[in-house]
Amino acid sequence: MSERIALVFEDRDYTLSELRELADGMAGTLARRGVRPGDRVALMSSNRPEFVAAVQAVWRLGAAVVLFSPAWKRTEAEHAIAITRPSHAVGDHPVLAGLMPMLHLDEPIEPGHEPFPEHDPRSDALLVFSSGTTGMPKAVRHTHASFGAAVEHWRQVLELTADDRIQVTTPPSHILGILNIVTALQTGARVRLHRRFDLESMLRCVETDRITVEMAVAPIALALASHPKLESYDLSSLRYIMWGATPVTPSVAETVTARTGIGWMPAYGASELPVIACNPVEGARLDSAGRAAPGVELRVVSLETGEPVAPGETGEIQARAESLMAGYLPEEATAGAFDDGWYRTGDVGSVDEDGWVRLTDRSKEMIKVRGFQVAPAEVEAVLHGHPAVADCAVFGVPDAANGEAIVAAVATRGPVEPEELVALVGERLASYKRPSEVLLVAEIPRLPSGKVLRRVLKERHGRTSDH
């Protein structure tokens, strides 16, 4: 019987043993270059099978892999090197090659079959960079034990089996990408890895590969909802589409479901704690991020007093789990991330008596108008419901009279007057949640994860309002 295919990239299939040989060979090469247990190895690479082999190779040697985003410029890579101090580098990116001696992924690798020692589960396995919507990104340290626990949590909540097929279109340097790849390979599910995100290619591969689990972040969901020929693709193999990284926009999700018949499964995680909550596969809801993942404890504390609040009340969501990071680099950033052993997510929301988690916003992004807390996501959800709104983001700016004023940046797909959008919010929400200004923009700046870069919008607004 022929061996099952583990990874597909363009027109090439890899079995698990082919991947293993590639990783063993790369581990041998890295060992000859001096990589030792406890070392850190920088990896900056495009989406390709050798990326997967490189991660496994570093782990074979008991070293930790430091994932650099291929979108980074030189200054960002220099910052990452300064705080993580990798001793070696591997990849295919000229930025990293210009900063450190790098084993290039295009170099031929002799397949290897060497035995490698077992690694200490308490040793570092993975360093990923937090999204960094404010300030310079921090490196998040995961041990083999913590990342292994996250993989097991993800497999359980996705109900993933060896019969599943997933595809990865997002950069695997992001926590969701690497988590999907490792979870699928350890489960025996098949992974289709894409060189880059392309909506047509993603939809075509659902059809041809019979993909069963699709992962989507906000920009992918928006692209699906507005695709003029979505109905022409056979997506019947999909069990569900997972929505992660940002709270669900119900109108966008409902549009996709109405057009395809495929339901959504919202989930919630962070680089620091990869699987916090997830909806059940059967009976998923759009108004909740789901319930705490198995092995994850949640509590909500008051934004004012820091004391735990009653079920259903709003505050900062905090979490504990064996999948929690070991800490940050720089190390001095770690203390502020914890509250008596609980990880402070920085997310504002509630957990009701039945354990359903609702996210309203990031605590740093809440807008305070006349003492009232306004969640940008709540205003954005109303704006998304207008047929002329393609995408939007809401943020606060200083205001002498009210403390802060609400500004909505809106990218349109048809003609609409700003006054009409302000009136729409006023009809649906309390008067203090109405934007005082609507900016019509070409597009909303977002990270690859889908998170809105509100600081970029604030800077642009500051520049325009100064004139």
Protein backbone atom coordinates (compact mmCIF):
# COMPACT_ATOMS: atom_id res chain seq x y z
CA MET A 1 0.00 0.00 0.00
CA SER A 2 1.42 3.40 -0.94
CA GLU A 3 2.19 5.88 1.84
CA ARG A 4 -0.30 8.69 2.46
CA ILE A 5 0.49 12.19 1.20
CA ALA A 6 1.23 14.61 4.05
CA LEU A 7 1.99 17.88 2.24
CA VAL A 8 1.12 19.28 -1.18
CA PHE A 9 2.83 22.30 -2.70
CA GLU A 10 1.98 23.42 -6.24
CA ASP A 11 2.24 20.18 -8.27
CA ARG A 12 4.49 18.28 -5.86
CA ASP A 13 3.33 15.78 -3.22
CA TYR A 14 5.35 14.84 -0.14
CA THR A 15 4.79 11.76 2.02
CA LEU A 16 5.53 11.92 5.73
CA SER A 17 8.72 9.87 5.24
CA GLU A 18 9.90 12.21 2.44
CA LEU A 19 9.39 15.19 4.75
CA ARG A 20 11.18 13.32 7.54
CA GLU A 21 14.18 12.58 5.30
CA LEU A 22 14.32 16.22 4.20
CA ALA A 23 14.21 17.39 7.85
CA ASP A 24 16.83 14.82 8.92
CA GLY A 25 19.13 15.90 6.09
CA MET A 26 18.70 19.57 6.95
CA ALA A 27 19.31 18.79 10.64
CA GLY A 28 22.58 17.08 9.70
CA THR A 29 23.63 20.13 7.65
CA LEU A 30 22.74 22.52 10.49
CA ALA A 31 24.59 20.34 13.02
CA ARG A 32 27.72 20.49 10.84
CA ARG A 33 27.31 24.28 10.82
CA GLY A 34 27.43 24.25 14.61
CA VAL A 35 23.77 24.25 15.74
CA ARG A 36 23.56 22.74 19.24
CA PRO A 37 20.79 22.07 21.79
CA GLY A 38 19.58 25.31 23.35
CA ASP A 39 20.63 27.45 20.37
CA ARG A 40 18.21 29.77 18.61
CA VAL A 41 17.94 29.58 14.82
CA ALA A 42 16.35 32.44 12.84
CA LEU A 43 14.06 31.29 10.00
CA MET A 44 12.90 33.80 7.38
CA SER A 45 11.29 32.10 4.44
CA SER A 46 8.54 32.25 1.87
CA ASN A 47 5.76 29.61 2.06
CA ARG A 48 7.41 26.40 0.80
CA PRO A 49 7.92 22.77 1.93
CA GLU A 50 11.51 23.51 2.97
CA PHE A 51 10.10 25.91 5.61
CA VAL A 52 8.32 22.94 7.22
CA ALA A 53 11.46 20.79 7.00
CA ALA A 54 13.59 23.58 8.50
CA VAL A 55 11.32 23.89 11.57
CA GLN A 56 11.47 20.12 12.11
CA ALA A 57 15.25 20.10 11.54
CA VAL A 58 15.86 22.76 14.21
CA TRP A 59 13.68 20.81 16.66
CA ARG A 60 15.58 17.57 15.88
CA LEU A 61 18.70 19.29 17.22
CA GLY A 62 17.06 20.48 20.43
CA ALA A 63 17.30 24.09 19.25
CA ALA A 64 14.54 26.73 19.09
CA VAL A 65 13.27 28.22 15.83
CA VAL A 66 12.75 32.01 15.70
CA LEU A 67 10.13 32.79 13.05
CA PHE A 68 10.78 36.01 11.11
CA SER A 69 7.97 37.38 8.94
CA PRO A 70 8.92 37.39 5.24
CA ALA A 71 7.13 40.76 5.02
CA TRP A 72 9.68 42.41 7.31
CA LYS A 73 12.09 45.09 6.20
CA ARG A 74 15.68 45.31 7.43
CA THR A 75 14.94 47.42 10.55
CA GLU A 76 12.30 44.93 11.76
CA ALA A 77 14.66 41.99 11.22
CA GLU A 78 17.45 43.86 13.05
CA HIS A 79 15.08 44.45 16.00
CA ALA A 80 14.18 40.73 16.05
CA ILE A 81 17.85 39.69 16.00
CA ALA A 82 18.68 42.16 18.77
CA ILE A 83 16.09 40.75 21.21
CA THR A 84 16.29 37.00 20.36
CA ARG A 85 20.04 36.75 19.56
CA PRO A 86 19.92 33.76 17.21
CA SER A 87 23.27 32.03 16.67
CA HIS A 88 22.35 30.65 13.24
CA ALA A 89 20.03 31.43 10.35
CA VAL A 90 18.18 29.48 7.67
CA GLY A 91 15.78 30.67 4.99
CA ASP A 92 15.48 32.12 1.49
CA HIS A 93 15.14 35.82 2.29
CA PRO A 94 17.74 38.41 1.22
CA VAL A 95 17.02 40.58 4.29
CA LEU A 96 18.13 37.83 6.71
CA ALA A 97 20.99 36.77 4.42
CA GLY A 98 22.25 40.37 4.56
CA LEU A 99 22.34 40.33 8.37
CA MET A 100 23.65 36.83 9.27
CA PRO A 101 25.36 33.85 7.59
CA MET A 102 22.34 31.87 6.37
CA LEU A 103 21.79 28.31 5.18
CA HIS A 104 19.78 28.95 2.00
CA LEU A 105 16.74 26.71 1.47
CA ASP A 106 17.60 26.44 -2.24
CA GLU A 107 20.83 24.59 -1.39
CA PRO A 108 20.57 20.87 -2.17
CA ILE A 109 20.05 18.82 0.98
CA GLU A 110 21.15 15.21 1.19
CA PRO A 111 18.31 13.13 2.72
CA GLY A 112 19.38 11.92 6.17
CA HIS A 113 18.47 9.07 8.52
CA GLU A 114 20.46 10.03 11.60
CA PRO A 115 19.17 9.32 15.09
CA PHE A 116 18.60 12.48 17.10
CA PRO A 117 18.38 12.76 20.90
CA GLU A 118 15.06 13.42 22.62
CA HIS A 119 14.65 17.08 23.53
CA ASP A 120 13.73 18.41 26.95
CA PRO A 121 10.01 19.37 26.88
CA ARG A 122 10.83 22.39 29.08
CA SER A 123 13.31 23.79 26.54
CA ASP A 124 12.30 26.51 24.07
CA ALA A 125 10.85 25.25 20.78
CA LEU A 126 9.43 28.29 19.08
CA LEU A 127 9.72 32.06 19.20
CA VAL A 128 7.01 33.95 17.31
CA PHE A 129 6.47 37.69 17.25
CA SER A 130 3.32 39.23 18.65
CA SER A 131 1.37 41.22 16.09
CA GLY A 132 2.67 44.45 17.55
CA THR A 133 -0.31 46.71 16.84
CA THR A 134 1.36 49.04 19.36
CA GLY A 135 5.11 49.63 19.61
CA MET A 136 7.82 47.22 18.47
CA PRO A 137 6.87 43.52 18.38
CA LYS A 138 7.90 41.29 21.28
CA ALA A 139 9.09 37.70 20.85
CA VAL A 140 6.76 35.12 22.42
CA ARG A 141 8.62 32.07 23.80
CA HIS A 142 6.97 28.64 23.60
CA THR A 143 8.54 25.50 25.01
CA HIS A 144 8.07 22.07 23.41
CA ALA A 145 5.57 21.37 26.21
CA SER A 146 3.52 24.57 25.78
CA PHE A 147 3.40 24.42 21.98
CA GLY A 148 2.68 20.67 22.13
CA ALA A 149 -0.28 21.40 24.42
CA ALA A 150 -1.55 24.07 21.98
CA VAL A 151 -1.33 21.57 19.10
CA GLU A 152 -3.37 19.03 21.10
CA HIS A 153 -5.97 21.70 22.01
CA TRP A 154 -6.28 22.72 18.34
CA ARG A 155 -6.68 19.12 17.17
CA GLN A 156 -9.44 18.58 19.73
CA VAL A 157 -11.48 21.72 19.02
CA LEU A 158 -11.22 21.33 15.24
CA GLU A 159 -12.15 17.63 15.63
CA LEU A 160 -9.32 17.01 13.18
CA THR A 161 -8.62 13.45 11.98
CA ALA A 162 -6.29 11.78 9.48
CA ASP A 163 -9.13 11.99 6.93
CA ASP A 164 -9.11 15.80 6.95
CA ARG A 165 -7.49 18.05 4.37
CA ILE A 166 -6.60 21.66 5.16
CA GLN A 167 -4.83 24.42 3.28
CA VAL A 168 -2.48 27.11 4.55
CA THR A 169 -2.53 30.39 2.63
CA THR A 170 -1.37 32.68 5.45
CA PRO A 171 2.34 33.10 6.33
CA PRO A 172 3.46 30.19 8.55
CA SER A 173 5.63 32.67 10.46
CA HIS A 174 2.36 33.70 12.19
CA ILE A 175 1.13 31.54 15.10
CA LEU A 176 -1.99 30.36 13.22
CA GLY A 177 0.03 29.21 10.19
CA ILE A 178 2.60 27.20 12.15
CA LEU A 179 -0.11 25.81 14.46
CA ASN A 180 -2.16 24.58 11.46
CA ILE A 181 0.84 22.93 9.80
CA VAL A 182 2.16 21.14 12.90
CA THR A 183 -1.32 20.05 14.07
CA ALA A 184 -2.20 18.62 10.64
CA LEU A 185 1.10 16.76 10.24
CA GLN A 186 0.90 15.29 13.76
CA THR A 187 -2.71 14.22 13.16
CA GLY A 188 -1.97 12.68 9.74
CA ALA A 189 -4.22 15.18 7.92
CA ARG A 190 -3.12 16.45 4.50
CA VAL A 191 -1.85 20.02 4.14
CA ARG A 192 -1.96 22.07 0.93
CA LEU A 193 0.63 24.85 1.35
CA HIS A 194 0.24 27.89 -0.91
CA ARG A 195 3.13 30.10 -1.97
CA ARG A 196 0.95 33.16 -1.29
CA PHE A 197 -2.69 33.99 -0.71
CA ASP A 198 -4.72 34.01 -3.91
CA LEU A 199 -8.50 33.71 -3.56
CA GLU A 200 -9.09 31.97 -6.91
CA SER A 201 -6.37 29.42 -6.17
CA MET A 202 -7.73 28.83 -2.66
CA LEU A 203 -11.26 28.19 -3.98
CA ARG A 204 -10.01 26.02 -6.85
CA CYS A 205 -8.03 23.85 -4.40
CA VAL A 206 -11.10 23.34 -2.17
CA GLU A 207 -12.67 21.81 -5.29
CA THR A 208 -9.73 19.76 -6.62
CA ASP A 209 -8.15 18.68 -3.30
CA ARG A 210 -11.52 18.19 -1.58
CA ILE A 211 -10.43 20.40 1.32
CA THR A 212 -12.48 19.68 4.47
CA VAL A 213 -11.40 22.49 6.85
CA GLU A 214 -10.78 26.05 5.63
CA MET A 215 -9.11 28.74 7.74
CA ALA A 216 -10.09 32.36 7.20
CA VAL A 217 -9.11 35.66 8.75
CA ALA A 218 -11.12 38.85 8.20
CA PRO A 219 -9.62 39.90 4.81
CA ILE A 220 -10.24 36.38 3.40
CA ALA A 221 -13.82 36.40 4.73
CA LEU A 222 -14.45 39.82 3.15
CA ALA A 223 -12.99 38.60 -0.16
CA LEU A 224 -15.22 35.50 -0.12
CA ALA A 225 -18.36 37.52 0.64
CA SER A 226 -17.75 39.91 -2.25
CA HIS A 227 -16.54 37.31 -4.81
CA PRO A 228 -18.82 37.69 -7.86
CA LYS A 229 -18.58 34.00 -8.86
CA LEU A 230 -18.45 32.29 -5.46
CA GLU A 231 -21.42 30.06 -6.36
CA SER A 232 -19.54 28.61 -9.35
CA TYR A 233 -17.11 26.69 -7.08
CA ASP A 234 -17.93 23.28 -5.62
CA LEU A 235 -17.19 23.80 -1.91
CA SER A 236 -19.28 20.82 -0.74
CA SER A 237 -16.26 19.01 0.77
CA LEU A 238 -15.88 21.71 3.47
CA ARG A 239 -17.04 20.75 6.96
CA TYR A 240 -16.79 24.38 8.10
CA ILE A 241 -14.74 27.56 7.72
CA MET A 242 -12.83 28.64 10.83
CA TRP A 243 -12.88 32.40 11.55
CA GLY A 244 -9.96 33.51 13.72
CA ALA A 245 -7.73 36.45 14.72
CA THR A 246 -10.55 39.04 14.96
CA PRO A 247 -14.17 38.91 16.17
CA VAL A 248 -16.63 37.72 13.52
CA THR A 249 -18.47 40.28 11.40
CA PRO A 250 -21.88 38.54 11.28
CA SER A 251 -23.10 40.22 8.07
CA VAL A 252 -19.97 39.03 6.20
CA ALA A 253 -20.17 35.48 7.58
CA GLU A 254 -23.91 35.23 6.88
CA THR A 255 -23.40 36.38 3.28
CA VAL A 256 -20.85 33.60 2.65
CA THR A 257 -23.10 30.96 4.27
CA ALA A 258 -26.16 32.13 2.28
CA ARG A 259 -24.16 31.86 -0.97
CA THR A 260 -22.34 28.57 -0.28
CA GLY A 261 -24.23 26.68 2.40
CA ILE A 262 -20.99 26.41 4.41
CA GLY A 263 -21.14 27.35 8.10
CA TRP A 264 -18.51 29.14 10.16
CA MET A 265 -16.70 28.06 13.31
CA PRO A 266 -15.37 31.12 15.18
CA ALA A 267 -12.26 30.55 17.32
CA TYR A 268 -10.08 32.76 19.47
CA GLY A 269 -6.39 32.62 20.30
CA ALA A 270 -3.23 34.67 20.69
CA SER A 271 0.46 34.18 19.99
CA GLU A 272 0.90 33.90 23.78
CA LEU A 273 -1.86 31.29 24.21
CA PRO A 274 -2.69 29.88 20.78
CA VAL A 275 -6.08 28.27 21.48
CA ILE A 276 -8.13 30.19 24.04
CA ALA A 277 -11.71 29.44 22.99
CA CYS A 278 -13.52 27.80 20.11
CA ASN A 279 -17.06 27.10 19.00
CA PRO A 280 -18.27 23.51 18.80
CA VAL A 281 -18.16 22.05 15.28
CA GLU A 282 -21.87 21.26 15.63
CA GLY A 283 -23.90 24.25 16.83
CA ALA A 284 -21.36 27.03 16.26
CA ARG A 285 -22.59 30.57 16.89
CA LEU A 286 -21.56 33.81 15.20
CA ASP A 287 -22.19 35.95 18.28
CA SER A 288 -19.53 34.18 20.37
CA ALA A 289 -15.86 33.17 20.10
CA GLY A 290 -17.00 29.85 21.62
CA ARG A 291 -16.20 28.26 24.95
CA ALA A 292 -12.81 27.81 26.61
CA ALA A 293 -10.74 25.14 24.85
CA PRO A 294 -10.19 21.91 26.84
CA GLY A 295 -7.50 22.56 29.45
CA VAL A 296 -7.96 26.37 29.33
CA GLU A 297 -9.35 28.31 32.31
CA LEU A 298 -10.88 31.75 31.78
CA ARG A 299 -11.85 34.63 34.04
CA VAL A 300 -12.99 38.22 33.44
CA VAL A 301 -11.72 41.08 35.61
CA SER A 302 -12.98 44.65 35.95
CA LEU A 303 -11.15 47.23 33.80
CA GLU A 304 -11.37 49.64 36.76
CA THR A 305 -10.57 47.53 39.84
CA GLY A 306 -8.88 44.40 38.42
CA GLU A 307 -11.23 42.24 40.52
CA PRO A 308 -13.10 39.27 38.94
CA VAL A 309 -16.60 40.18 37.73
CA ALA A 310 -19.84 38.16 37.68
CA PRO A 311 -20.75 35.93 34.69
CA GLY A 312 -21.95 38.01 31.73
CA GLU A 313 -20.30 41.20 32.96
CA THR A 314 -17.72 42.94 30.78
CA GLY A 315 -14.03 43.28 31.60
CA GLU A 316 -10.59 42.07 30.54
CA ILE A 317 -10.45 38.38 29.63
CA GLN A 318 -7.64 36.47 31.37
CA ALA A 319 -6.57 32.87 30.82
CA ARG A 320 -4.49 30.02 32.26
CA ALA A 321 -3.40 26.84 30.47
CA GLU A 322 -0.43 24.53 29.96
CA SER A 323 -0.28 25.95 26.41
CA LEU A 324 0.60 29.40 27.78
CA MET A 325 3.89 30.96 26.65
CA ALA A 326 6.99 30.76 28.86
CA GLY A 327 7.41 34.55 28.57
CA TYR A 328 8.52 37.36 26.28
CA LEU A 329 11.80 38.65 24.97
CA PRO A 330 12.80 41.25 26.03
CA GLU A 331 12.28 39.57 29.41
CA GLU A 332 11.23 42.78 31.18
CA ALA A 333 8.02 42.76 29.11
CA THR A 334 6.91 39.45 30.70
CA ALA A 335 5.80 40.70 34.14
CA GLY A 336 3.17 43.05 32.68
CA ALA A 337 1.56 40.19 30.73
CA PHE A 338 0.50 38.35 33.89
CA ASP A 339 -1.90 39.03 36.74
CA ASP A 340 -1.27 36.58 39.60
CA GLY A 341 -0.42 33.78 37.16
CA TRP A 342 -3.23 34.61 34.72
CA TYR A 343 -2.34 35.78 31.21
CA ARG A 344 -3.79 39.22 30.51
CA THR A 345 -5.16 38.97 26.96
CA GLY A 346 -5.82 42.72 26.65
CA ASP A 347 -9.17 41.74 25.12
CA VAL A 348 -12.39 43.15 26.49
CA GLY A 349 -15.40 40.89 26.66
CA SER A 350 -17.58 38.67 28.81
CA VAL A 351 -18.07 34.99 29.67
CA ASP A 352 -21.66 34.04 30.46
CA GLU A 353 -22.89 31.40 32.93
CA ASP A 354 -22.73 28.71 30.24
CA GLY A 355 -19.14 29.59 29.36
CA TRP A 356 -19.80 31.37 26.04
CA VAL A 357 -17.14 34.01 25.36
CA ARG A 358 -18.04 37.32 23.75
CA LEU A 359 -15.29 39.65 22.62
CA THR A 360 -16.05 43.33 22.31
CA ASP A 361 -12.59 44.79 21.67
CA ARG A 362 -9.00 45.30 22.71
CA SER A 363 -8.71 47.21 26.01
CA LYS A 364 -6.15 49.51 24.37
CA GLU A 365 -8.58 50.28 21.54
CA MET A 366 -11.69 51.05 23.58
CA ILE A 367 -12.81 54.64 22.94
CA LYS A 368 -13.87 56.67 25.98
CA VAL A 369 -16.61 59.17 25.08
CA ARG A 370 -17.92 61.26 27.99
CA GLY A 371 -16.88 58.46 30.37
CA PHE A 372 -18.65 55.75 28.31
CA GLN A 373 -16.57 52.88 26.87
CA VAL A 374 -17.21 52.38 23.14
CA ALA A 375 -15.98 49.21 21.40
CA PRO A 376 -14.85 49.96 17.82
CA ALA A 377 -16.00 46.48 16.72
CA GLU A 378 -19.61 47.27 17.71
CA VAL A 379 -19.71 50.38 15.50
CA GLU A 380 -17.86 48.54 12.70
CA ALA A 381 -20.47 45.73 12.72
CA VAL A 382 -23.24 48.29 12.03
CA LEU A 383 -21.24 50.00 9.24
CA HIS A 384 -20.47 46.63 7.61
CA GLY A 385 -24.22 46.12 7.27
CA HIS A 386 -24.48 48.99 4.75
CA PRO A 387 -24.36 47.65 1.16
CA ALA A 388 -21.93 50.39 0.03
CA VAL A 389 -19.34 49.59 2.74
CA ALA A 390 -16.57 47.24 1.57
CA ASP A 391 -14.46 47.51 4.73
CA CYS A 392 -14.19 49.84 7.71
CA ALA A 393 -12.31 50.59 10.92
CA VAL A 394 -13.26 52.77 13.86
CA PHE A 395 -10.83 54.57 16.19
CA GLY A 396 -10.75 57.32 18.78
CA VAL A 397 -9.03 60.71 18.60
CA PRO A 398 -8.55 63.26 21.41
CA ASP A 399 -11.49 65.62 21.81
CA ALA A 400 -11.57 68.59 24.20
CA ALA A 401 -15.28 68.38 24.97
CA ASN A 402 -15.84 64.60 25.20
CA GLY A 403 -12.43 63.14 26.03
CA GLU A 404 -12.35 61.22 22.76
CA ALA A 405 -14.27 61.47 19.50
CA ILE A 406 -15.16 58.51 17.27
CA VAL A 407 -13.78 58.47 13.72
CA ALA A 408 -14.81 55.85 11.14
CA ALA A 409 -12.53 55.12 8.19
CA VAL A 410 -14.63 53.55 5.42
CA ALA A 411 -13.65 51.91 2.13
CA THR A 412 -16.67 51.88 -0.17
CA ARG A 413 -17.86 49.74 -3.07
CA GLY A 414 -20.50 52.24 -4.14
CA PRO A 415 -21.59 55.85 -3.60
CA VAL A 416 -22.61 56.79 -0.06
CA GLU A 417 -22.67 60.05 1.87
CA PRO A 418 -20.81 60.14 5.24
CA GLU A 419 -23.96 61.61 6.85
CA GLU A 420 -25.91 58.50 5.85
CA LEU A 421 -23.42 56.25 7.66
CA VAL A 422 -23.45 58.42 10.80
CA ALA A 423 -27.27 58.26 10.78
CA LEU A 424 -27.21 54.45 10.37
CA VAL A 425 -25.08 54.07 13.53
CA GLY A 426 -27.35 56.53 15.36
CA GLU A 427 -30.40 54.39 14.48
CA ARG A 428 -28.85 51.13 15.75
CA LEU A 429 -26.70 52.22 18.71
CA ALA A 430 -26.66 54.71 21.58
CA SER A 431 -26.14 58.32 20.49
CA TYR A 432 -22.67 58.56 22.09
CA LYS A 433 -21.50 55.73 19.77
CA ARG A 434 -22.16 57.79 16.62
CA PRO A 435 -18.99 58.71 14.69
CA SER A 436 -18.28 62.44 14.76
CA GLU A 437 -16.42 62.00 11.46
CA VAL A 438 -16.42 59.54 8.54
CA LEU A 439 -13.29 59.35 6.41
CA LEU A 440 -13.64 57.76 2.97
CA VAL A 441 -10.41 55.82 2.27
CA ALA A 442 -9.12 53.60 -0.56
CA GLU A 443 -8.49 50.65 1.78
CA ILE A 444 -8.19 49.74 5.48
CA PRO A 445 -4.60 48.93 6.52
CA ARG A 446 -4.45 45.48 8.11
CA LEU A 447 -1.84 42.99 9.32
CA PRO A 448 -1.73 39.62 7.49
CA SER A 449 -3.70 38.22 10.47
CA GLY A 450 -6.55 40.60 9.62
CA LYS A 451 -6.06 42.93 12.59
CA VAL A 452 -6.66 46.57 11.72
CA LEU A 453 -3.65 48.88 12.06
CA ARG A 454 -5.55 51.58 13.92
CA ARG A 455 -2.35 53.47 14.77
CA VAL A 456 -1.71 53.95 11.02
CA LEU A 457 -5.21 55.38 10.61
CA LYS A 458 -4.72 57.63 13.67
CA GLU A 459 -1.41 58.93 12.25
CA ARG A 460 -3.04 59.66 8.89
CA HIS A 461 -5.95 61.37 10.61
CA GLY A 462 -3.53 63.46 12.70
CA ARG A 463 -1.72 64.60 9.59
CA THR A 464 -4.90 65.53 7.73
CA SER A 465 -6.53 67.27 10.70
CA ASP A 466 -3.42 69.39 11.33
CA HIS A 467 -3.79 71.08 7.94
